[in-house]
C-alpha atoms as a PDB file:
ATOM      1  CA  MET A   1       7.253   2.048  23.348  1.00  0.00           C
ATOM      2  CA  PRO A   2       9.695   4.908  22.976  1.00  0.00           C
ATOM      3  CA  LYS A   3      12.143   6.799  25.268  1.00  0.00           C
ATOM      4  CA  MET A   4      11.289  10.164  26.529  1.00  0.00           C
ATOM      5  CA  LYS A   5      13.173  12.728  25.095  1.00  0.00           C
ATOM      6  CA  SER A   6      14.189  15.213  27.813  1.00  0.00           C
ATOM      7  CA  HIS A   7      13.576  18.868  27.522  1.00  0.00           C
ATOM      8  CA  THR A   8      16.806  20.212  25.885  1.00  0.00           C
ATOM      9  CA  GLY A   9      15.981  24.156  27.185  1.00  0.00           C
ATOM     10  CA  MET A  10      15.417  22.715  30.548  1.00  0.00           C
ATOM     11  CA  GLY A  11      18.681  20.449  30.419  1.00  0.00           C
ATOM     12  CA  LYS A  12      20.485  23.905  30.021  1.00  0.00           C
ATOM     13  CA  ARG A  13      19.360  25.226  32.539  1.00  0.00           C
ATOM     14  CA  VAL A  14      19.182  23.224  35.347  1.00  0.00           C
ATOM     15  CA  LYS A  15      22.095  20.300  36.664  1.00  0.00           C
ATOM     16  CA  VAL A  16      20.983  17.336  38.410  1.00  0.00           C
ATOM     17  CA  THR A  17      23.207  16.282  41.583  1.00  0.00           C
ATOM     18  CA  GLY A  18      24.490  12.856  42.838  1.00  0.00           C
ATOM     19  CA  LYS A  19      22.008  12.935  45.531  1.00  0.00           C
ATOM     20  CA  GLY A  20      19.077  13.972  42.805  1.00  0.00           C
ATOM     21  CA  LYS A  21      18.546  17.634  43.913  1.00  0.00           C
ATOM     22  CA  ILE A  22      17.681  20.066  40.979  1.00  0.00           C
ATOM     23  CA  VAL A  23      19.684  23.070  41.305  1.00  0.00           C
ATOM     24  CA  ALA A  24      19.717  25.839  38.852  1.00  0.00           C
ATOM     25  CA  GLN A  25      21.309  29.648  38.753  1.00  0.00           C
ATOM     26  CA  GLN A  26      20.300  32.308  41.644  1.00  0.00           C
ATOM     27  CA  ALA A  27      17.824  34.516  39.570  1.00  0.00           C
ATOM     28  CA  GLY A  28      18.064  38.697  39.480  1.00  0.00           C
ATOM     29  CA  LEU A  29      21.483  38.869  37.920  1.00  0.00           C
ATOM     30  CA  ARG A  30      20.761  39.757  34.550  1.00  0.00           C
ATOM     31  CA  HIS A  31      19.980  43.553  34.430  1.00  0.00           C
ATOM     32  CA  ASN A  32      18.802  46.330  36.608  1.00  0.00           C
ATOM     33  CA  LEU A  33      22.530  45.856  38.702  1.00  0.00           C
ATOM     34  CA  GLU A  34      23.592  49.191  39.461  1.00  0.00           C
ATOM     35  CA  LYS A  35      20.534  49.851  41.649  1.00  0.00           C
ATOM     36  CA  LYS A  36      21.153  46.421  43.471  1.00  0.00           C
ATOM     37  CA  SER A  37      24.009  46.693  46.290  1.00  0.00           C
ATOM     38  CA  SER A  38      27.309  44.790  45.900  1.00  0.00           C
ATOM     39  CA  THR A  39      26.361  42.518  48.409  1.00  0.00           C
ATOM     40  CA  ARG A  40      23.185  41.834  47.278  1.00  0.00           C
ATOM     41  CA  THR A  41      24.755  41.128  43.936  1.00  0.00           C
ATOM     42  CA  ARG A  42      27.406  38.963  45.633  1.00  0.00           C
ATOM     43  CA  ARG A  43      24.867  37.203  47.418  1.00  0.00           C
ATOM     44  CA  LEU A  44      23.184  36.563  44.077  1.00  0.00           C
ATOM     45  CA  THR A  45      25.937  34.319  42.737  1.00  0.00           C
ATOM     46  CA  GLY A  46      26.186  30.734  42.446  1.00  0.00           C
ATOM     47  CA  THR A  47      23.448  28.056  42.431  1.00  0.00           C
ATOM     48  CA  VAL A  48      20.232  27.533  44.663  1.00  0.00           C
ATOM     49  CA  GLU A  49      18.012  24.132  44.877  1.00  0.00           C
ATOM     50  CA  VAL A  50      14.752  24.203  42.619  1.00  0.00           C
ATOM     51  CA  ALA A  51      11.813  24.995  44.783  1.00  0.00           C
ATOM     52  CA  LYS A  52       9.572  21.939  45.975  1.00  0.00           C
ATOM     53  CA  ALA A  53       6.677  23.306  43.963  1.00  0.00           C
ATOM     54  CA  ASP A  54       8.557  22.659  40.538  1.00  0.00           C
ATOM     55  CA  PHE A  55      10.556  19.884  41.167  1.00  0.00           C
ATOM     56  CA  LYS A  56       7.959  17.233  39.813  1.00  0.00           C
ATOM     57  CA  ARG A  57       7.567  19.464  36.889  1.00  0.00           C
ATOM     58  CA  ILE A  58      11.200  19.764  35.734  1.00  0.00           C
ATOM     59  CA  LYS A  59      12.015  16.638  36.516  1.00  0.00           C
ATOM     60  CA  LYS A  60       9.130  15.077  34.438  1.00  0.00           C
ATOM     61  CA  LEU A  61      10.608  17.641  31.609  1.00  0.00           C
ATOM     62  CA  LEU A  62      13.864  15.988  32.309  1.00  0.00           C
ATOM     63  CA  ALA A  63      12.759  12.865  31.454  1.00  0.00           C
ATOM     64  CA  ARG A  64      13.814  11.266  34.915  1.00  0.00           C
END
């Protein structure tokens, strides 16, 4: 049976850590930034762990 191919788009959006957690960029920082406070935009920077509900689906897309 051939190897599973990983979903290229998902691979670009998430990163798997050494311990197996899946982290992605925090959402909400692309547009409408004028109305968001500087405190809020600062807190939206960085990465967050993927929600438990999405973990199984993303793992399958990454062929892991």
